[in-house]
Amino acid sequence: MYLNGVMLVSCALDFQVLRFDHANDLPHVAFLPTYAATAWYHKRLPADLRKKPLRKLLDEVEAFAAGEYAHALFMGAGLPAKDRKAVVAKLARYTGLSADYIERTDLRIEIFRFCKELLRDEGRTVGRLDSRFTGRDRDSAGEQFEFDPAMVEIYGAYAAAMNDYVRTDLRFEADLPYEVIKGLYLTWGWKDYANRFVSVGETLRRALSKNPHMRVLVASGYYDFATPHYGADFSISHFGLAPELRKNVSVSYYEAGHMMYVHRPSLAKLAAQLRRFVAG
């Protein structure tokens, strides 16, 4: 089947940018801009950074992530002490976490630790699907949150809306439960990716190469910890597309999370993007 267009909303094309394994430093680079966006939103950054527009802040953080920070992680124990101290200070500045905490993580901040640590002094956690949302655990001493505050905020609303829609609008009556999220991926065929990270970017590259008229629209949320926008950017920039095909892939960003459409301004922006994409 030849596709003219593919829309990727909060995409995960390469699991190497998402999996926090001890031998894989890439997620630490990919998640850093989302840490910064989250700290900016919750007013945990220094005053001069809080005054910056979000996109301008992210340009600065992404340059640091791809340059000085990526180099520091690559150097490992060989990083000079002076350089390490400078990187720790910048990480603290961009994440809202203390320099002491970052030093104890060996410069590598895992996503669930961040969700628990950022607002620990307030006894609150931040969401994974959308880090604008916050919640409270039984106590503030743990390494991870008890639940995703973003998930619980929308779960009931999704179920209620769907059940009303199928009965009222579609006139479909059934007592089957509506599954807001189901672990269907557990039964997928992973044999082609045994003992390595799942990566489907190459599949998309081949499709684009076979059909040069094909277009791809990528939508990413700045507050998405499930599929961080900078991770998607990394995957797209490493497709290996021929130069003349790179213009076939366009990316749009939203000041919301994994389901950016729960944020009304982002919903309107995404709808307009999708309509233009289909019409084009």
C-alpha atoms as a PDB file:
ATOM      1  CA  MET A   1       0.000   0.000   0.000  1.00  0.00           C
ATOM      2  CA  TYR A   2       1.431   3.374  -1.034  1.00  0.00           C
ATOM      3  CA  LEU A   3       0.570   6.117   1.429  1.00  0.00           C
ATOM      4  CA  ASN A   4       0.390   9.749   0.414  1.00  0.00           C
ATOM      5  CA  GLY A   5       0.594  10.994   3.964  1.00  0.00           C
ATOM      6  CA  VAL A   6       1.359   9.839   7.498  1.00  0.00           C
ATOM      7  CA  MET A   7       0.520  11.823  10.638  1.00  0.00           C
ATOM      8  CA  LEU A   8       2.596  10.967  13.703  1.00  0.00           C
ATOM      9  CA  VAL A   9       1.192  12.375  16.950  1.00  0.00           C
ATOM     10  CA  SER A  10       3.655  12.070  19.861  1.00  0.00           C
ATOM     11  CA  CYS A  11       5.772   9.569  17.983  1.00  0.00           C
ATOM     12  CA  ALA A  12       8.233   6.966  19.224  1.00  0.00           C
ATOM     13  CA  LEU A  13      10.259   5.826  16.225  1.00  0.00           C
ATOM     14  CA  ASP A  14      13.436   4.750  17.976  1.00  0.00           C
ATOM     15  CA  PHE A  15      13.351   3.283  21.468  1.00  0.00           C
ATOM     16  CA  GLN A  16      17.042   3.999  21.978  1.00  0.00           C
ATOM     17  CA  VAL A  17      16.120   7.616  22.716  1.00  0.00           C
ATOM     18  CA  LEU A  18      13.521   6.497  25.291  1.00  0.00           C
ATOM     19  CA  ARG A  19      15.039   3.632  27.295  1.00  0.00           C
ATOM     20  CA  PHE A  20      17.130   4.626  30.306  1.00  0.00           C
ATOM     21  CA  ASP A  21      19.579   1.709  30.279  1.00  0.00           C
ATOM     22  CA  HIS A  22      22.898   2.029  32.082  1.00  0.00           C
ATOM     23  CA  ALA A  23      24.883   1.693  28.855  1.00  0.00           C
ATOM     24  CA  ASN A  24      22.683   4.123  26.911  1.00  0.00           C
ATOM     25  CA  ASP A  25      23.260   7.856  27.434  1.00  0.00           C
ATOM     26  CA  LEU A  26      21.049   9.033  24.574  1.00  0.00           C
ATOM     27  CA  PRO A  27      17.809   9.417  26.620  1.00  0.00           C
ATOM     28  CA  HIS A  28      19.552  11.783  29.035  1.00  0.00           C
ATOM     29  CA  VAL A  29      20.227  14.119  26.111  1.00  0.00           C
ATOM     30  CA  ALA A  30      16.788  13.648  24.538  1.00  0.00           C
ATOM     31  CA  PHE A  31      14.840  14.287  27.756  1.00  0.00           C
ATOM     32  CA  LEU A  32      16.791  17.318  28.977  1.00  0.00           C
ATOM     33  CA  PRO A  33      14.790  19.935  26.988  1.00  0.00           C
ATOM     34  CA  THR A  34      11.543  18.492  28.406  1.00  0.00           C
ATOM     35  CA  TYR A  35      13.007  18.701  31.916  1.00  0.00           C
ATOM     36  CA  ALA A  36      13.743  22.362  31.227  1.00  0.00           C
ATOM     37  CA  ALA A  37      10.267  23.043  29.813  1.00  0.00           C
ATOM     38  CA  THR A  38       8.697  21.398  32.863  1.00  0.00           C
ATOM     39  CA  ALA A  39      10.850  23.341  35.310  1.00  0.00           C
ATOM     40  CA  TRP A  40      10.022  26.547  33.388  1.00  0.00           C
ATOM     41  CA  TYR A  41       6.291  25.827  33.594  1.00  0.00           C
ATOM     42  CA  HIS A  42       6.433  25.151  37.354  1.00  0.00           C
ATOM     43  CA  LYS A  43       8.603  28.245  37.961  1.00  0.00           C
ATOM     44  CA  ARG A  44      11.626  26.284  39.166  1.00  0.00           C
ATOM     45  CA  LEU A  45      14.209  27.978  36.952  1.00  0.00           C
ATOM     46  CA  PRO A  46      16.300  31.061  37.752  1.00  0.00           C
ATOM     47  CA  ALA A  47      14.540  34.385  37.170  1.00  0.00           C
ATOM     48  CA  ASP A  48      16.388  35.198  33.933  1.00  0.00           C
ATOM     49  CA  LEU A  49      15.333  31.877  32.378  1.00  0.00           C
ATOM     50  CA  ARG A  50      11.737  32.191  33.562  1.00  0.00           C
ATOM     51  CA  LYS A  51      11.490  35.490  31.670  1.00  0.00           C
ATOM     52  CA  LYS A  52      12.398  33.848  28.368  1.00  0.00           C
ATOM     53  CA  PRO A  53       9.716  32.585  25.970  1.00  0.00           C
ATOM     54  CA  LEU A  54       9.592  28.798  26.145  1.00  0.00           C
ATOM     55  CA  ARG A  55      10.828  28.235  22.591  1.00  0.00           C
ATOM     56  CA  LYS A  56      13.804  30.551  23.105  1.00  0.00           C
ATOM     57  CA  LEU A  57      14.695  28.710  26.308  1.00  0.00           C
ATOM     58  CA  LEU A  58      14.491  25.366  24.532  1.00  0.00           C
ATOM     59  CA  ASP A  59      16.769  26.555  21.735  1.00  0.00           C
ATOM     60  CA  GLU A  60      19.385  27.310  24.388  1.00  0.00           C
ATOM     61  CA  VAL A  61      18.906  24.028  26.243  1.00  0.00           C
ATOM     62  CA  GLU A  62      18.918  21.923  23.081  1.00  0.00           C
ATOM     63  CA  ALA A  63      22.212  23.488  21.993  1.00  0.00           C
ATOM     64  CA  PHE A  64      23.705  22.602  25.386  1.00  0.00           C
ATOM     65  CA  ALA A  65      22.227  19.097  25.276  1.00  0.00           C
ATOM     66  CA  ALA A  66      23.634  18.319  21.824  1.00  0.00           C
ATOM     67  CA  GLY A  67      26.989  19.905  22.558  1.00  0.00           C
ATOM     68  CA  GLU A  68      28.533  20.271  25.996  1.00  0.00           C
ATOM     69  CA  TYR A  69      26.236  17.805  27.755  1.00  0.00           C
ATOM     70  CA  ALA A  70      26.471  15.045  25.125  1.00  0.00           C
ATOM     71  CA  HIS A  71      30.257  15.442  25.154  1.00  0.00           C
ATOM     72  CA  ALA A  72      30.367  15.162  28.951  1.00  0.00           C
ATOM     73  CA  LEU A  73      28.338  11.949  28.918  1.00  0.00           C
ATOM     74  CA  PHE A  74      30.523  10.518  26.164  1.00  0.00           C
ATOM     75  CA  MET A  75      33.674  11.241  28.171  1.00  0.00           C
ATOM     76  CA  GLY A  76      32.404   9.337  31.199  1.00  0.00           C
ATOM     77  CA  ALA A  77      35.002   9.108  33.969  1.00  0.00           C
ATOM     78  CA  GLY A  78      37.498  10.802  31.645  1.00  0.00           C
ATOM     79  CA  LEU A  79      35.712  14.162  31.930  1.00  0.00           C
ATOM     80  CA  PRO A  80      38.027  16.665  33.667  1.00  0.00           C
ATOM     81  CA  ALA A  81      36.809  17.788  37.101  1.00  0.00           C
ATOM     82  CA  LYS A  82      36.591  21.436  36.037  1.00  0.00           C
ATOM     83  CA  ASP A  83      34.425  20.562  33.023  1.00  0.00           C
ATOM     84  CA  ARG A  84      32.254  18.281  35.125  1.00  0.00           C
ATOM     85  CA  LYS A  85      31.595  21.051  37.628  1.00  0.00           C
ATOM     86  CA  ALA A  86      30.547  23.404  34.817  1.00  0.00           C
ATOM     87  CA  VAL A  87      28.164  20.809  33.349  1.00  0.00           C
ATOM     88  CA  VAL A  88      26.620  20.129  36.774  1.00  0.00           C
ATOM     89  CA  ALA A  89      26.011  23.850  37.260  1.00  0.00           C
ATOM     90  CA  LYS A  90      24.282  24.159  33.870  1.00  0.00           C
ATOM     91  CA  LEU A  91      22.178  21.051  34.464  1.00  0.00           C
ATOM     92  CA  ALA A  92      21.031  22.498  37.766  1.00  0.00           C
ATOM     93  CA  ARG A  93      20.257  25.804  36.064  1.00  0.00           C
ATOM     94  CA  TYR A  94      18.208  24.174  33.297  1.00  0.00           C
ATOM     95  CA  THR A  95      16.383  21.496  35.330  1.00  0.00           C
ATOM     96  CA  GLY A  96      15.541  23.242  38.591  1.00  0.00           C
ATOM     97  CA  LEU A  97      17.251  20.430  40.516  1.00  0.00           C
ATOM     98  CA  SER A  98      20.081  20.984  42.978  1.00  0.00           C
ATOM     99  CA  ALA A  99      23.692  20.616  41.908  1.00  0.00           C
ATOM    100  CA  ASP A 100      24.185  18.125  44.745  1.00  0.00           C
ATOM    101  CA  TYR A 101      21.360  15.924  43.449  1.00  0.00           C
ATOM    102  CA  ILE A 102      22.690  16.036  39.884  1.00  0.00           C
ATOM    103  CA  GLU A 103      26.172  15.134  41.092  1.00  0.00           C
ATOM    104  CA  ARG A 104      24.746  12.134  42.923  1.00  0.00           C
ATOM    105  CA  THR A 105      23.012  10.963  39.723  1.00  0.00           C
ATOM    106  CA  ASP A 106      26.372  11.051  37.910  1.00  0.00           C
ATOM    107  CA  LEU A 107      24.937  13.713  35.535  1.00  0.00           C
ATOM    108  CA  ARG A 108      22.244  11.246  34.421  1.00  0.00           C
ATOM    109  CA  ILE A 109      18.714  12.164  35.477  1.00  0.00           C
ATOM    110  CA  GLU A 110      16.199   9.370  34.895  1.00  0.00           C
ATOM    111  CA  ILE A 111      12.699  10.520  33.956  1.00  0.00           C
ATOM    112  CA  PHE A 112      10.769   9.033  36.895  1.00  0.00           C
ATOM    113  CA  ARG A 113      13.305  10.398  39.335  1.00  0.00           C
ATOM    114  CA  PHE A 114      12.816  13.846  37.820  1.00  0.00           C
ATOM    115  CA  CYS A 115       9.020  13.588  38.107  1.00  0.00           C
ATOM    116  CA  LYS A 116       9.433  12.875  41.821  1.00  0.00           C
ATOM    117  CA  GLU A 117      12.307  15.259  42.572  1.00  0.00           C
ATOM    118  CA  LEU A 118      11.334  18.540  40.901  1.00  0.00           C
ATOM    119  CA  LEU A 119       8.565  19.477  43.367  1.00  0.00           C
ATOM    120  CA  ARG A 120       9.605  17.192  46.216  1.00  0.00           C
ATOM    121  CA  ASP A 121       9.836  20.085  48.677  1.00  0.00           C
ATOM    122  CA  GLU A 122       6.155  20.814  47.992  1.00  0.00           C
ATOM    123  CA  GLY A 123       5.184  17.163  48.368  1.00  0.00           C
ATOM    124  CA  ARG A 124       4.049  17.033  44.738  1.00  0.00           C
ATOM    125  CA  THR A 125       4.963  15.015  41.649  1.00  0.00           C
ATOM    126  CA  VAL A 126       4.707  15.989  37.975  1.00  0.00           C
ATOM    127  CA  GLY A 127       3.022  13.962  35.260  1.00  0.00           C
ATOM    128  CA  ARG A 128       4.651  11.722  32.673  1.00  0.00           C
ATOM    129  CA  LEU A 129       2.101  12.032  29.879  1.00  0.00           C
ATOM    130  CA  ASP A 130       1.823  15.766  30.533  1.00  0.00           C
ATOM    131  CA  SER A 131       4.199  17.350  33.009  1.00  0.00           C
ATOM    132  CA  ARG A 132       1.943  20.371  33.559  1.00  0.00           C
ATOM    133  CA  PHE A 133      -0.209  18.170  35.811  1.00  0.00           C
ATOM    134  CA  THR A 134       0.790  17.486  39.420  1.00  0.00           C
ATOM    135  CA  GLY A 135      -0.224  14.957  42.073  1.00  0.00           C
ATOM    136  CA  ARG A 136       0.550  13.866  45.624  1.00  0.00           C
ATOM    137  CA  ASP A 137       1.938  10.550  46.845  1.00  0.00           C
ATOM    138  CA  ARG A 138       1.640   9.108  50.344  1.00  0.00           C
ATOM    139  CA  ASP A 139       5.059  10.580  51.119  1.00  0.00           C
ATOM    140  CA  SER A 140       7.850  12.461  49.371  1.00  0.00           C
ATOM    141  CA  ALA A 141      10.716  10.083  50.080  1.00  0.00           C
ATOM    142  CA  GLY A 142      10.385   7.740  47.109  1.00  0.00           C
ATOM    143  CA  GLU A 143      12.247   7.502  43.817  1.00  0.00           C
ATOM    144  CA  GLN A 144       9.122   7.344  41.610  1.00  0.00           C
ATOM    145  CA  PHE A 145       5.570   8.604  41.758  1.00  0.00           C
ATOM    146  CA  GLU A 146       2.718   6.285  42.813  1.00  0.00           C
ATOM    147  CA  PHE A 147       0.636   7.263  39.784  1.00  0.00           C
ATOM    148  CA  ASP A 148       0.835   9.500  36.740  1.00  0.00           C
ATOM    149  CA  PRO A 149      -1.029  12.729  37.633  1.00  0.00           C
ATOM    150  CA  ALA A 150      -1.703  13.413  33.953  1.00  0.00           C
ATOM    151  CA  MET A 151      -3.232   9.990  33.385  1.00  0.00           C
ATOM    152  CA  VAL A 152      -5.680  10.127  36.295  1.00  0.00           C
ATOM    153  CA  GLU A 153      -6.766  13.630  35.279  1.00  0.00           C
ATOM    154  CA  ILE A 154      -8.055  12.495  31.887  1.00  0.00           C
ATOM    155  CA  TYR A 155      -8.834   8.790  32.341  1.00  0.00           C
ATOM    156  CA  GLY A 156     -12.382   9.146  33.635  1.00  0.00           C
ATOM    157  CA  ALA A 157     -13.231  11.956  31.229  1.00  0.00           C
ATOM    158  CA  TYR A 158     -12.119   9.875  28.226  1.00  0.00           C
ATOM    159  CA  ALA A 159     -14.185   6.879  29.311  1.00  0.00           C
ATOM    160  CA  ALA A 160     -17.291   8.971  29.994  1.00  0.00           C
ATOM    161  CA  ALA A 161     -17.024  10.885  26.720  1.00  0.00           C
ATOM    162  CA  MET A 162     -16.572   7.725  24.646  1.00  0.00           C
ATOM    163  CA  ASN A 163     -19.439   5.865  26.278  1.00  0.00           C
ATOM    164  CA  ASP A 164     -21.737   8.850  25.751  1.00  0.00           C
ATOM    165  CA  TYR A 165     -20.618   9.288  22.132  1.00  0.00           C
ATOM    166  CA  VAL A 166     -21.194   5.692  21.016  1.00  0.00           C
ATOM    167  CA  ARG A 167     -24.644   5.625  22.608  1.00  0.00           C
ATOM    168  CA  THR A 168     -25.915   9.139  21.893  1.00  0.00           C
ATOM    169  CA  ASP A 169     -24.361   9.897  18.492  1.00  0.00           C
ATOM    170  CA  LEU A 170     -23.655   6.468  16.998  1.00  0.00           C
ATOM    171  CA  ARG A 171     -26.669   4.719  18.605  1.00  0.00           C
ATOM    172  CA  PHE A 172     -24.481   1.746  19.490  1.00  0.00           C
ATOM    173  CA  GLU A 173     -25.555  -0.109  22.623  1.00  0.00           C
ATOM    174  CA  ALA A 174     -23.232  -2.556  24.362  1.00  0.00           C
ATOM    175  CA  ASP A 175     -22.152  -3.410  27.885  1.00  0.00           C
ATOM    176  CA  LEU A 176     -18.553  -3.956  26.845  1.00  0.00           C
ATOM    177  CA  PRO A 177     -16.079  -1.907  28.888  1.00  0.00           C
ATOM    178  CA  TYR A 178     -14.280   0.872  27.021  1.00  0.00           C
ATOM    179  CA  GLU A 179     -10.522   0.490  27.464  1.00  0.00           C
ATOM    180  CA  VAL A 180      -8.908   3.934  27.577  1.00  0.00           C
ATOM    181  CA  ILE A 181      -5.474   2.290  27.515  1.00  0.00           C
ATOM    182  CA  LYS A 182      -4.836  -1.365  26.773  1.00  0.00           C
ATOM    183  CA  GLY A 183      -1.497  -3.183  26.756  1.00  0.00           C
ATOM    184  CA  LEU A 184      -1.906  -4.382  23.171  1.00  0.00           C
ATOM    185  CA  TYR A 185       1.803  -3.898  22.576  1.00  0.00           C
ATOM    186  CA  LEU A 186       2.476  -6.868  24.862  1.00  0.00           C
ATOM    187  CA  THR A 187       1.198  -9.185  22.126  1.00  0.00           C
ATOM    188  CA  TRP A 188       2.952  -7.503  19.198  1.00  0.00           C
ATOM    189  CA  GLY A 189       5.587  -9.420  17.250  1.00  0.00           C
ATOM    190  CA  TRP A 190       8.980  -8.221  18.494  1.00  0.00           C
ATOM    191  CA  LYS A 191      11.076 -11.018  16.945  1.00  0.00           C
ATOM    192  CA  ASP A 192      12.705  -8.659  14.430  1.00  0.00           C
ATOM    193  CA  TYR A 193      14.081  -6.611  17.330  1.00  0.00           C
ATOM    194  CA  ALA A 194      15.365  -9.351  19.619  1.00  0.00           C
ATOM    195  CA  ASN A 195      18.276  -8.159  21.766  1.00  0.00           C
ATOM    196  CA  ARG A 196      18.239  -4.641  20.337  1.00  0.00           C
ATOM    197  CA  PHE A 197      16.240  -1.428  20.564  1.00  0.00           C
ATOM    198  CA  VAL A 198      13.083  -1.245  18.502  1.00  0.00           C
ATOM    199  CA  SER A 199      13.502   1.217  15.643  1.00  0.00           C
ATOM    200  CA  VAL A 200      10.965   1.793  12.860  1.00  0.00           C
ATOM    201  CA  GLY A 201      12.490   4.961  11.451  1.00  0.00           C
ATOM    202  CA  GLU A 202      14.116   2.878   8.727  1.00  0.00           C
ATOM    203  CA  THR A 203      10.692   1.565   7.700  1.00  0.00           C
ATOM    204  CA  LEU A 204       9.478   5.124   7.280  1.00  0.00           C
ATOM    205  CA  ARG A 205      12.623   6.109   5.363  1.00  0.00           C
ATOM    206  CA  ARG A 206      12.097   3.271   2.892  1.00  0.00           C
ATOM    207  CA  ALA A 207       8.467   4.274   2.392  1.00  0.00           C
ATOM    208  CA  LEU A 208       9.481   7.881   1.688  1.00  0.00           C
ATOM    209  CA  SER A 209      12.215   6.744  -0.684  1.00  0.00           C
ATOM    210  CA  LYS A 210       9.834   4.505  -2.627  1.00  0.00           C
ATOM    211  CA  ASN A 211       7.188   7.217  -2.887  1.00  0.00           C
ATOM    212  CA  PRO A 212       8.808  10.681  -3.174  1.00  0.00           C
ATOM    213  CA  HIS A 213       5.340  12.284  -3.151  1.00  0.00           C
ATOM    214  CA  MET A 214       4.647  11.005   0.352  1.00  0.00           C
ATOM    215  CA  ARG A 215       4.451  13.542   3.190  1.00  0.00           C
ATOM    216  CA  VAL A 216       4.884  13.099   6.941  1.00  0.00           C
ATOM    217  CA  LEU A 217       3.525  15.414   9.641  1.00  0.00           C
ATOM    218  CA  VAL A 218       4.954  15.064  13.150  1.00  0.00           C
ATOM    219  CA  ALA A 219       3.205  16.649  16.153  1.00  0.00           C
ATOM    220  CA  SER A 220       5.169  16.895  19.428  1.00  0.00           C
ATOM    221  CA  GLY A 221       4.291  18.290  22.851  1.00  0.00           C
ATOM    222  CA  TYR A 222       6.848  20.217  24.892  1.00  0.00           C
ATOM    223  CA  TYR A 223       5.575  18.699  28.174  1.00  0.00           C
ATOM    224  CA  ASP A 224       5.539  15.093  26.972  1.00  0.00           C
ATOM    225  CA  PHE A 225       7.744  12.697  28.951  1.00  0.00           C
ATOM    226  CA  ALA A 226       6.385   9.610  27.169  1.00  0.00           C
ATOM    227  CA  THR A 227       7.783  10.639  23.774  1.00  0.00           C
ATOM    228  CA  PRO A 228       9.870  13.799  24.292  1.00  0.00           C
ATOM    229  CA  HIS A 229       9.958  16.210  21.364  1.00  0.00           C
ATOM    230  CA  TYR A 230      13.748  16.348  21.210  1.00  0.00           C
ATOM    231  CA  GLY A 231      13.869  12.554  20.967  1.00  0.00           C
ATOM    232  CA  ALA A 232      11.515  12.694  17.986  1.00  0.00           C
ATOM    233  CA  ASP A 233      13.664  15.439  16.451  1.00  0.00           C
ATOM    234  CA  PHE A 234      16.746  13.233  16.905  1.00  0.00           C
ATOM    235  CA  SER A 235      15.074  10.267  15.223  1.00  0.00           C
ATOM    236  CA  ILE A 236      13.874  12.369  12.288  1.00  0.00           C
ATOM    237  CA  SER A 237      17.286  13.943  11.749  1.00  0.00           C
ATOM    238  CA  HIS A 238      18.824  10.451  11.627  1.00  0.00           C
ATOM    239  CA  PHE A 239      16.474   8.955   9.032  1.00  0.00           C
ATOM    240  CA  GLY A 240      19.189   9.142   6.403  1.00  0.00           C
ATOM    241  CA  LEU A 241      16.785  10.638   3.871  1.00  0.00           C
ATOM    242  CA  ALA A 242      18.057  11.924   0.552  1.00  0.00           C
ATOM    243  CA  PRO A 243      18.379  15.746   0.699  1.00  0.00           C
ATOM    244  CA  GLU A 244      15.497  16.312  -1.724  1.00  0.00           C
ATOM    245  CA  LEU A 245      13.144  14.244   0.499  1.00  0.00           C
ATOM    246  CA  ARG A 246      13.837  16.023   3.796  1.00  0.00           C
ATOM    247  CA  LYS A 247      11.305  18.729   2.977  1.00  0.00           C
ATOM    248  CA  ASN A 248       8.611  16.016   2.914  1.00  0.00           C
ATOM    249  CA  VAL A 249       8.771  15.766   6.711  1.00  0.00           C
ATOM    250  CA  SER A 250       7.358  18.663   8.743  1.00  0.00           C
ATOM    251  CA  VAL A 251       7.226  19.031  12.529  1.00  0.00           C
ATOM    252  CA  SER A 252       4.912  21.123  14.694  1.00  0.00           C
ATOM    253  CA  TYR A 253       5.241  21.732  18.427  1.00  0.00           C
ATOM    254  CA  TYR A 254       2.656  22.351  21.146  1.00  0.00           C
ATOM    255  CA  GLU A 255       2.729  23.728  24.688  1.00  0.00           C
ATOM    256  CA  ALA A 256       1.067  20.609  26.041  1.00  0.00           C
ATOM    257  CA  GLY A 257       1.910  16.953  26.591  1.00  0.00           C
ATOM    258  CA  HIS A 258       1.507  13.548  24.972  1.00  0.00           C
ATOM    259  CA  MET A 259      -2.152  14.219  24.205  1.00  0.00           C
ATOM    260  CA  MET A 260      -1.671  17.847  23.230  1.00  0.00           C
ATOM    261  CA  TYR A 261      -5.363  18.080  22.311  1.00  0.00           C
ATOM    262  CA  VAL A 262      -6.353  18.223  26.019  1.00  0.00           C
ATOM    263  CA  HIS A 263      -5.004  21.800  25.885  1.00  0.00           C
ATOM    264  CA  ARG A 264      -7.545  23.898  23.963  1.00  0.00           C
ATOM    265  CA  PRO A 265      -5.072  26.221  22.184  1.00  0.00           C
ATOM    266  CA  SER A 266      -3.027  23.177  21.134  1.00  0.00           C
ATOM    267  CA  LEU A 267      -6.181  21.380  20.006  1.00  0.00           C
ATOM    268  CA  ALA A 268      -7.053  24.280  17.712  1.00  0.00           C
ATOM    269  CA  LYS A 269      -3.491  24.487  16.374  1.00  0.00           C
ATOM    270  CA  LEU A 270      -3.288  20.728  15.758  1.00  0.00           C
ATOM    271  CA  ALA A 271      -6.672  20.674  14.004  1.00  0.00           C
ATOM    272  CA  ALA A 272      -5.543  23.477  11.690  1.00  0.00           C
ATOM    273  CA  GLN A 273      -2.257  21.666  10.974  1.00  0.00           C
ATOM    274  CA  LEU A 274      -4.021  18.416  10.157  1.00  0.00           C
ATOM    275  CA  ARG A 275      -6.544  20.120   7.850  1.00  0.00           C
ATOM    276  CA  ARG A 276      -3.762  21.883   5.936  1.00  0.00           C
ATOM    277  CA  PHE A 277      -1.819  18.639   5.730  1.00  0.00           C
ATOM    278  CA  VAL A 278      -4.744  16.661   4.280  1.00  0.00           C
ATOM    279  CA  ALA A 279      -5.723  19.457   1.908  1.00  0.00           C
ATOM    280  CA  GLY A 280      -2.150  19.682   0.654  1.00  0.00           C
END
